[in-house]
Amino acid sequence: MSDRVLYESSNGDMWLLVRHPASNTPVVKHQPNANSGGQTSYIEIGKFLRDGANGPEHQALLNLIGTLIRE
């Protein structure tokens, strides 16, 4: 799996679906914009969805998951 951009906010924050560099498990990677000074973080997919599934970045992941299911 290669990195896949889920969502990029208007302020430059990015959320990507990636493999964690240490465990090789699928996770959501949050890259804050350069001006915020924040650090990149890796979030387990279930935790990411539980902690705020109403944001556009969460909806983008749910939409991606939905494409994997046949109608």
Protein backbone atom coordinates (compact mmCIF):
# COMPACT_ATOMS: atom_id res chain seq x y z
CA MET A 1 0.00 0.00 0.00
CA SER A 2 1.36 3.40 -0.87
CA ASP A 3 0.45 6.55 1.02
CA ARG A 4 -3.00 7.83 0.09
CA VAL A 5 -4.13 11.37 0.84
CA LEU A 6 -7.52 11.27 2.53
CA TYR A 7 -8.04 14.99 3.02
CA GLU A 8 -6.17 18.29 2.91
CA SER A 9 -7.68 21.19 4.83
CA SER A 10 -7.71 24.78 3.62
CA ASN A 11 -4.99 25.61 6.19
CA GLY A 12 -2.66 22.90 4.84
CA ASP A 13 -3.18 20.10 7.37
CA MET A 14 -3.14 16.69 5.69
CA TRP A 15 -4.49 13.29 6.67
CA LEU A 16 -3.15 10.25 4.85
CA LEU A 17 -3.75 6.52 4.96
CA VAL A 18 -0.30 4.95 5.38
CA ARG A 19 1.53 2.04 6.95
CA HIS A 20 3.09 2.86 10.32
CA PRO A 21 6.87 2.93 9.91
CA ALA A 22 7.51 0.74 12.98
CA SER A 23 4.65 -1.78 12.90
CA ASN A 24 3.75 -1.73 9.20
CA THR A 25 0.04 -1.65 10.16
CA PRO A 26 -2.40 0.66 8.35
CA VAL A 27 -2.89 3.95 10.21
CA VAL A 28 -3.96 7.53 9.60
CA LYS A 29 -1.05 9.94 9.45
CA HIS A 30 -1.76 13.56 10.38
CA GLN A 31 0.67 16.13 9.02
CA PRO A 32 -0.06 19.56 10.49
CA ASN A 33 0.65 22.59 8.34
CA ALA A 34 4.13 24.05 8.54
CA ASN A 35 2.99 27.23 10.32
CA SER A 36 1.37 25.38 13.23
CA GLY A 37 4.66 23.90 14.41
CA GLY A 38 2.89 20.64 15.24
CA GLN A 39 4.44 17.24 14.78
CA THR A 40 3.32 14.47 12.49
CA SER A 41 1.28 11.84 14.32
CA TYR A 42 0.08 8.33 13.54
CA ILE A 43 -3.42 7.33 14.69
CA GLU A 44 -4.87 3.82 14.78
CA ILE A 45 -7.81 3.74 12.35
CA GLY A 46 -10.44 2.74 14.92
CA LYS A 47 -9.32 5.46 17.34
CA PHE A 48 -9.29 8.02 14.54
CA LEU A 49 -12.90 7.21 13.67
CA ARG A 50 -14.09 7.05 17.29
CA ASP A 51 -12.53 10.38 18.21
CA GLY A 52 -14.47 12.50 15.75
CA ALA A 53 -16.09 10.83 12.79
CA ASN A 54 -17.91 14.02 11.79
CA GLY A 55 -14.91 15.86 10.36
CA PRO A 56 -14.28 15.92 6.61
CA GLU A 57 -11.09 13.88 7.09
CA HIS A 58 -13.12 11.18 8.85
CA GLN A 59 -15.80 11.21 6.16
CA ALA A 60 -13.09 10.84 3.51
CA LEU A 61 -11.81 7.66 5.19
CA LEU A 62 -15.34 6.28 5.53
CA ASN A 63 -15.99 7.02 1.85
CA LEU A 64 -12.78 5.22 0.89
CA ILE A 65 -13.79 2.20 2.97
CA GLY A 66 -17.21 2.29 1.27
CA THR A 67 -15.57 1.91 -2.14
CA LEU A 68 -14.23 -1.47 -1.03
CA ILE A 69 -17.72 -2.91 -0.52
CA ARG A 70 -19.72 -4.11 -3.49
CA GLU A 71 -23.32 -3.05 -3.75
